[in-house]
């Protein structure tokens, strides 16, 4: 996951960085002998979970400004 985060820091003109993180994470997992049939869905599922369920570990949702929602 760290490799994917590092790749996301590179300025690439792709809207929302769609596919960049997934491709780098899949390539990293394949490098560590994880089959492509497992690593690609795992990368996509991880992206879905981290974007849809973007709630801190405390369980308190925050607004875009960082203020707690009531």
PDB file of N, CA and C in Angstrom:
ATOM      1  N   UNK A   1       0.817  -1.179   0.000  1.00  0.00           N
ATOM      2  CA  UNK A   1       0.000   0.000   0.000  1.00  0.00           C
ATOM      3  C   UNK A   1       0.865   1.249   0.000  1.00  0.00           C
ATOM      4  N   UNK A   2       2.036   1.167   0.571  1.00  0.00           N
ATOM      5  CA  UNK A   2       2.922   2.330   0.608  1.00  0.00           C
ATOM      6  C   UNK A   2       3.365   2.719  -0.791  1.00  0.00           C
ATOM      7  N   UNK A   3       3.573   1.747  -1.660  1.00  0.00           N
ATOM      8  CA  UNK A   3       3.979   2.045  -3.032  1.00  0.00           C
ATOM      9  C   UNK A   3       2.870   2.798  -3.744  1.00  0.00           C
ATOM     10  N   UNK A   4       1.638   2.366  -3.561  1.00  0.00           N
ATOM     11  CA  UNK A   4       0.505   3.054  -4.165  1.00  0.00           C
ATOM     12  C   UNK A   4       0.385   4.486  -3.682  1.00  0.00           C
ATOM     13  N   UNK A   5       0.619   4.715  -2.411  1.00  0.00           N
ATOM     14  CA  UNK A   5       0.566   6.070  -1.866  1.00  0.00           C
ATOM     15  C   UNK A   5       1.676   6.928  -2.457  1.00  0.00           C
ATOM     16  N   UNK A   6       2.869   6.355  -2.641  1.00  0.00           N
ATOM     17  CA  UNK A   6       3.975   7.106  -3.231  1.00  0.00           C
ATOM     18  C   UNK A   6       3.677   7.461  -4.681  1.00  0.00           C
ATOM     19  N   UNK A   7       3.088   6.534  -5.419  1.00  0.00           N
ATOM     20  CA  UNK A   7       2.756   6.798  -6.814  1.00  0.00           C
ATOM     21  C   UNK A   7       1.692   7.877  -6.918  1.00  0.00           C
ATOM     22  N   UNK A   8       0.772   7.920  -5.978  1.00  0.00           N
ATOM     23  CA  UNK A   8      -0.270   8.951  -6.004  1.00  0.00           C
ATOM     24  C   UNK A   8       0.295  10.353  -5.805  1.00  0.00           C
ATOM     25  N   UNK A   9       1.483  10.476  -5.218  1.00  0.00           N
ATOM     26  CA  UNK A   9       2.082  11.790  -5.015  1.00  0.00           C
ATOM     27  C   UNK A   9       2.655  12.375  -6.301  1.00  0.00           C
ATOM     28  N   UNK A  10       2.873  11.540  -7.307  1.00  0.00           N
ATOM     29  CA  UNK A  10       3.395  12.016  -8.583  1.00  0.00           C
ATOM     30  C   UNK A  10       2.269  12.738  -9.320  1.00  0.00           C
ATOM     31  N   UNK A  11       2.576  13.900  -9.849  1.00  0.00           N
ATOM     32  CA  UNK A  11       1.548  14.679 -10.552  1.00  0.00           C
ATOM     33  C   UNK A  11       1.316  14.081 -11.932  1.00  0.00           C
ATOM     34  N   UNK A  12       0.218  13.368 -12.080  1.00  0.00           N
ATOM     35  CA  UNK A  12      -0.192  12.798 -13.354  1.00  0.00           C
ATOM     36  C   UNK A  12      -1.561  13.375 -13.665  1.00  0.00           C
ATOM     37  N   UNK A  13      -1.759  13.823 -14.887  1.00  0.00           N
ATOM     38  CA  UNK A  13      -3.024  14.487 -15.238  1.00  0.00           C
ATOM     39  C   UNK A  13      -4.103  13.464 -15.568  1.00  0.00           C
ATOM     40  N   UNK A  14      -4.550  12.764 -14.549  1.00  0.00           N
ATOM     41  CA  UNK A  14      -5.662  11.825 -14.673  1.00  0.00           C
ATOM     42  C   UNK A  14      -6.715  12.260 -13.663  1.00  0.00           C
ATOM     43  N   UNK A  15      -7.943  12.495 -14.101  1.00  0.00           N
ATOM     44  CA  UNK A  15      -8.974  12.948 -13.166  1.00  0.00           C
ATOM     45  C   UNK A  15      -9.188  11.973 -12.011  1.00  0.00           C
ATOM     46  N   UNK A  16      -8.979  12.440 -10.810  1.00  0.00           N
ATOM     47  CA  UNK A  16      -9.204  11.630  -9.626  1.00  0.00           C
ATOM     48  C   UNK A  16      -8.182  10.529  -9.430  1.00  0.00           C
ATOM     49  N   UNK A  17      -7.129  10.540 -10.223  1.00  0.00           N
ATOM     50  CA  UNK A  17      -6.084   9.497 -10.155  1.00  0.00           C
ATOM     51  C   UNK A  17      -6.694   8.103 -10.309  1.00  0.00           C
ATOM     52  N   UNK A  18      -7.769   8.017 -11.073  1.00  0.00           N
ATOM     53  CA  UNK A  18      -8.476   6.750 -11.265  1.00  0.00           C
ATOM     54  C   UNK A  18      -7.564   5.775 -12.012  1.00  0.00           C
ATOM     55  N   UNK A  19      -7.334   4.628 -11.425  1.00  0.00           N
ATOM     56  CA  UNK A  19      -6.554   3.578 -12.048  1.00  0.00           C
ATOM     57  C   UNK A  19      -5.075   3.593 -11.727  1.00  0.00           C
ATOM     58  N   UNK A  20      -4.529   4.722 -11.323  1.00  0.00           N
ATOM     59  CA  UNK A  20      -3.101   4.810 -11.041  1.00  0.00           C
ATOM     60  C   UNK A  20      -2.767   4.011  -9.788  1.00  0.00           C
ATOM     61  N   UNK A  21      -3.503   4.247  -8.727  1.00  0.00           N
ATOM     62  CA  UNK A  21      -3.280   3.537  -7.466  1.00  0.00           C
ATOM     63  C   UNK A  21      -3.514   2.039  -7.641  1.00  0.00           C
ATOM     64  N   UNK A  22      -4.591   1.687  -8.334  1.00  0.00           N
ATOM     65  CA  UNK A  22      -4.928   0.280  -8.510  1.00  0.00           C
ATOM     66  C   UNK A  22      -3.853  -0.448  -9.316  1.00  0.00           C
ATOM     67  N   UNK A  23      -3.363   0.188 -10.361  1.00  0.00           N
ATOM     68  CA  UNK A  23      -2.339  -0.422 -11.202  1.00  0.00           C
ATOM     69  C   UNK A  23      -1.037  -0.615 -10.429  1.00  0.00           C
ATOM     70  N   UNK A  24      -0.622   0.401  -9.667  1.00  0.00           N
ATOM     71  CA  UNK A  24       0.626   0.272  -8.923  1.00  0.00           C
ATOM     72  C   UNK A  24       0.507  -0.759  -7.804  1.00  0.00           C
ATOM     73  N   UNK A  25      -0.643  -0.814  -7.146  1.00  0.00           N
ATOM     74  CA  UNK A  25      -0.837  -1.798  -6.081  1.00  0.00           C
ATOM     75  C   UNK A  25      -0.884  -3.211  -6.657  1.00  0.00           C
ATOM     76  N   UNK A  26      -1.562  -3.382  -7.798  1.00  0.00           N
ATOM     77  CA  UNK A  26      -1.615  -4.693  -8.440  1.00  0.00           C
ATOM     78  C   UNK A  26      -0.227  -5.137  -8.869  1.00  0.00           C
ATOM     79  N   UNK A  27       0.551  -4.233  -9.456  1.00  0.00           N
ATOM     80  CA  UNK A  27       1.915  -4.572  -9.877  1.00  0.00           C
ATOM     81  C   UNK A  27       2.791  -4.941  -8.684  1.00  0.00           C
ATOM     82  N   UNK A  28       2.618  -4.229  -7.578  1.00  0.00           N
ATOM     83  CA  UNK A  28       3.398  -4.544  -6.379  1.00  0.00           C
ATOM     84  C   UNK A  28       3.025  -5.918  -5.829  1.00  0.00           C
ATOM     85  N   UNK A  29       1.736  -6.216  -5.781  1.00  0.00           N
ATOM     86  CA  UNK A  29       1.313  -7.526  -5.285  1.00  0.00           C
ATOM     87  C   UNK A  29       1.785  -8.653  -6.201  1.00  0.00           C
ATOM     88  N   UNK A  30       1.751  -8.433  -7.510  1.00  0.00           N
ATOM     89  CA  UNK A  30       2.244  -9.444  -8.445  1.00  0.00           C
ATOM     90  C   UNK A  30       3.739  -9.658  -8.252  1.00  0.00           C
ATOM     91  N   UNK A  31       4.473  -8.580  -7.948  1.00  0.00           N
ATOM     92  CA  UNK A  31       5.910  -8.694  -7.674  1.00  0.00           C
ATOM     93  C   UNK A  31       6.169  -9.599  -6.476  1.00  0.00           C
ATOM     94  N   UNK A  32       5.263  -9.575  -5.510  1.00  0.00           N
ATOM     95  CA  UNK A  32       5.402 -10.421  -4.325  1.00  0.00           C
ATOM     96  C   UNK A  32       4.667 -11.751  -4.473  1.00  0.00           C
ATOM     97  N   UNK A  33       4.520 -12.217  -5.719  1.00  0.00           N
ATOM     98  CA  UNK A  33       3.995 -13.546  -6.058  1.00  0.00           C
ATOM     99  C   UNK A  33       2.524 -13.758  -5.717  1.00  0.00           C
ATOM    100  N   UNK A  34       1.746 -12.702  -5.660  1.00  0.00           N
ATOM    101  CA  UNK A  34       0.306 -12.843  -5.500  1.00  0.00           C
ATOM    102  C   UNK A  34      -0.271 -12.951  -6.913  1.00  0.00           C
ATOM    103  N   UNK A  35      -1.098 -13.951  -7.191  1.00  0.00           N
ATOM    104  CA  UNK A  35      -1.649 -14.095  -8.540  1.00  0.00           C
ATOM    105  C   UNK A  35      -2.464 -12.862  -8.960  1.00  0.00           C
ATOM    106  N   UNK A  36      -2.420 -12.561 -10.249  1.00  0.00           N
ATOM    107  CA  UNK A  36      -3.130 -11.390 -10.776  1.00  0.00           C
ATOM    108  C   UNK A  36      -4.632 -11.514 -10.575  1.00  0.00           C
ATOM    109  N   UNK A  37      -5.130 -12.756 -10.578  1.00  0.00           N
ATOM    110  CA  UNK A  37      -6.572 -12.944 -10.387  1.00  0.00           C
ATOM    111  C   UNK A  37      -7.012 -12.597  -8.971  1.00  0.00           C
ATOM    112  N   UNK A  38      -6.083 -12.489  -8.059  1.00  0.00           N
ATOM    113  CA  UNK A  38      -6.394 -12.091  -6.684  1.00  0.00           C
ATOM    114  C   UNK A  38      -5.994 -10.638  -6.434  1.00  0.00           C
ATOM    115  N   UNK A  39      -4.847 -10.231  -6.968  1.00  0.00           N
ATOM    116  CA  UNK A  39      -4.335  -8.894  -6.654  1.00  0.00           C
ATOM    117  C   UNK A  39      -5.150  -7.773  -7.295  1.00  0.00           C
ATOM    118  N   UNK A  40      -5.653  -7.948  -8.507  1.00  0.00           N
ATOM    119  CA  UNK A  40      -6.437  -6.887  -9.156  1.00  0.00           C
ATOM    120  C   UNK A  40      -7.759  -6.629  -8.428  1.00  0.00           C
ATOM    121  N   UNK A  41      -8.556  -7.678  -8.138  1.00  0.00           N
ATOM    122  CA  UNK A  41      -9.784  -7.403  -7.370  1.00  0.00           C
ATOM    123  C   UNK A  41      -9.501  -6.866  -5.967  1.00  0.00           C
ATOM    124  N   UNK A  42      -8.402  -7.311  -5.361  1.00  0.00           N
ATOM    125  CA  UNK A  42      -8.062  -6.810  -4.025  1.00  0.00           C
ATOM    126  C   UNK A  42      -7.734  -5.319  -4.077  1.00  0.00           C
ATOM    127  N   UNK A  43      -7.024  -4.890  -5.111  1.00  0.00           N
ATOM    128  CA  UNK A  43      -6.684  -3.467  -5.249  1.00  0.00           C
ATOM    129  C   UNK A  43      -7.939  -2.631  -5.478  1.00  0.00           C
ATOM    130  N   UNK A  44      -8.841  -3.123  -6.307  1.00  0.00           N
ATOM    131  CA  UNK A  44     -10.079  -2.388  -6.578  1.00  0.00           C
ATOM    132  C   UNK A  44     -10.963  -2.343  -5.330  1.00  0.00           C
ATOM    133  N   UNK A  45     -11.045  -3.458  -4.618  1.00  0.00           N
ATOM    134  CA  UNK A  45     -11.830  -3.494  -3.392  1.00  0.00           C
ATOM    135  C   UNK A  45     -11.250  -2.553  -2.338  1.00  0.00           C
ATOM    136  N   UNK A  46      -9.932  -2.510  -2.238  1.00  0.00           N
ATOM    137  CA  UNK A  46      -9.292  -1.605  -1.284  1.00  0.00           C
ATOM    138  C   UNK A  46      -9.606  -0.157  -1.633  1.00  0.00           C
ATOM    139  N   UNK A  47      -9.589   0.190  -2.920  1.00  0.00           N
ATOM    140  CA  UNK A  47      -9.915   1.553  -3.349  1.00  0.00           C
ATOM    141  C   UNK A  47     -11.365   1.887  -3.012  1.00  0.00           C
ATOM    142  N   UNK A  48     -12.261   0.942  -3.249  1.00  0.00           N
ATOM    143  CA  UNK A  48     -13.668   1.162  -2.923  1.00  0.00           C
ATOM    144  C   UNK A  48     -13.871   1.393  -1.431  1.00  0.00           C
ATOM    145  N   UNK A  49     -13.255   0.547  -0.636  1.00  0.00           N
ATOM    146  CA  UNK A  49     -13.424   0.645   0.820  1.00  0.00           C
ATOM    147  C   UNK A  49     -12.839   1.945   1.348  1.00  0.00           C
ATOM    148  N   UNK A  50     -11.650   2.329   0.853  1.00  0.00           N
ATOM    149  CA  UNK A  50     -11.031   3.548   1.376  1.00  0.00           C
ATOM    150  C   UNK A  50     -11.720   4.807   0.868  1.00  0.00           C
ATOM    151  N   UNK A  51     -12.394   4.763  -0.298  1.00  0.00           N
ATOM    152  CA  UNK A  51     -13.094   5.966  -0.743  1.00  0.00           C
ATOM    153  C   UNK A  51     -14.514   6.057  -0.225  1.00  0.00           C
ATOM    154  N   UNK A  52     -15.216   4.956  -0.161  1.00  0.00           N
ATOM    155  CA  UNK A  52     -16.608   4.990   0.272  1.00  0.00           C
ATOM    156  C   UNK A  52     -16.718   5.097   1.787  1.00  0.00           C
ATOM    157  N   UNK A  53     -15.906   4.345   2.476  1.00  0.00           N
ATOM    158  CA  UNK A  53     -15.975   4.316   3.937  1.00  0.00           C
ATOM    159  C   UNK A  53     -14.837   5.110   4.538  1.00  0.00           C
ATOM    160  N   UNK A  54     -14.710   6.357   4.109  1.00  0.00           N
ATOM    161  CA  UNK A  54     -13.610   7.200   4.581  1.00  0.00           C
ATOM    162  C   UNK A  54     -13.980   7.842   5.913  1.00  0.00           C
ATOM    163  N   UNK A  55     -14.042   7.031   6.947  1.00  0.00           N
ATOM    164  CA  UNK A  55     -14.359   7.497   8.294  1.00  0.00           C
ATOM    165  C   UNK A  55     -13.159   7.178   9.177  1.00  0.00           C
ATOM    166  N   UNK A  56     -12.709   8.113   9.974  1.00  0.00           N
ATOM    167  CA  UNK A  56     -11.559   7.863  10.845  1.00  0.00           C
ATOM    168  C   UNK A  56     -11.801   6.687  11.798  1.00  0.00           C
ATOM    169  N   UNK A  57     -10.744   6.211  12.401  1.00  0.00           N
ATOM    170  CA  UNK A  57     -10.828   5.063  13.305  1.00  0.00           C
ATOM    171  C   UNK A  57     -11.741   5.328  14.493  1.00  0.00           C
ATOM    172  N   UNK A  58     -11.967   6.579  14.816  1.00  0.00           N
ATOM    173  CA  UNK A  58     -12.830   6.893  15.952  1.00  0.00           C
ATOM    174  C   UNK A  58     -14.295   6.688  15.624  1.00  0.00           C
ATOM    175  N   UNK A  59     -14.613   6.592  14.325  1.00  0.00           N
ATOM    176  CA  UNK A  59     -15.995   6.413  13.929  1.00  0.00           C
ATOM    177  C   UNK A  59     -16.760   7.716  13.807  1.00  0.00           C
ATOM    178  N   UNK A  60     -16.071   8.830  13.967  1.00  0.00           N
ATOM    179  CA  UNK A  60     -16.712  10.129  13.882  1.00  0.00           C
ATOM    180  C   UNK A  60     -16.501  10.706  12.483  1.00  0.00           C
ATOM    181  N   UNK A  61     -17.571  10.888  11.716  1.00  0.00           N
ATOM    182  CA  UNK A  61     -17.397  11.482  10.389  1.00  0.00           C
ATOM    183  C   UNK A  61     -17.041  12.957  10.486  1.00  0.00           C
ATOM    184  N   UNK A  62     -16.214  13.429   9.585  1.00  0.00           N
ATOM    185  CA  UNK A  62     -15.793  14.819   9.560  1.00  0.00           C
ATOM    186  C   UNK A  62     -16.249  15.469   8.260  1.00  0.00           C
ATOM    187  N   UNK A  63     -16.421  16.769   8.305  1.00  0.00           N
ATOM    188  CA  UNK A  63     -16.751  17.512   7.079  1.00  0.00           C
ATOM    189  C   UNK A  63     -15.460  17.812   6.344  1.00  0.00           C
ATOM    190  N   UNK A  64     -15.567  18.447   5.196  1.00  0.00           N
ATOM    191  CA  UNK A  64     -14.383  18.773   4.405  1.00  0.00           C
ATOM    192  C   UNK A  64     -13.463  19.751   5.137  1.00  0.00           C
ATOM    193  N   UNK A  65     -14.007  20.535   6.055  1.00  0.00           N
ATOM    194  CA  UNK A  65     -13.188  21.492   6.804  1.00  0.00           C
ATOM    195  C   UNK A  65     -12.538  20.875   8.022  1.00  0.00           C
ATOM    196  N   UNK A  66     -12.874  19.630   8.329  1.00  0.00           N
ATOM    197  CA  UNK A  66     -12.289  18.979   9.488  1.00  0.00           C
ATOM    198  C   UNK A  66     -13.144  19.093  10.745  1.00  0.00           C
ATOM    199  N   UNK A  67     -14.263  19.812  10.649  1.00  0.00           N
ATOM    200  CA  UNK A  67     -15.135  19.960  11.817  1.00  0.00           C
ATOM    201  C   UNK A  67     -15.999  18.706  11.972  1.00  0.00           C
ATOM    202  N   UNK A  68     -16.260  18.333  13.206  1.00  0.00           N
ATOM    203  CA  UNK A  68     -17.079  17.151  13.462  1.00  0.00           C
ATOM    204  C   UNK A  68     -18.515  17.407  13.059  1.00  0.00           C
ATOM    205  N   UNK A  69     -19.151  16.378  12.520  1.00  0.00           N
ATOM    206  CA  UNK A  69     -20.579  16.452  12.213  1.00  0.00           C
ATOM    207  C   UNK A  69     -21.366  16.177  13.486  1.00  0.00           C
ATOM    208  N   UNK A  70     -22.470  16.858  13.654  1.00  0.00           N
ATOM    209  CA  UNK A  70     -23.261  16.637  14.876  1.00  0.00           C
ATOM    210  C   UNK A  70     -24.295  15.554  14.679  1.00  0.00           C
TER     211      UNK A  70
END
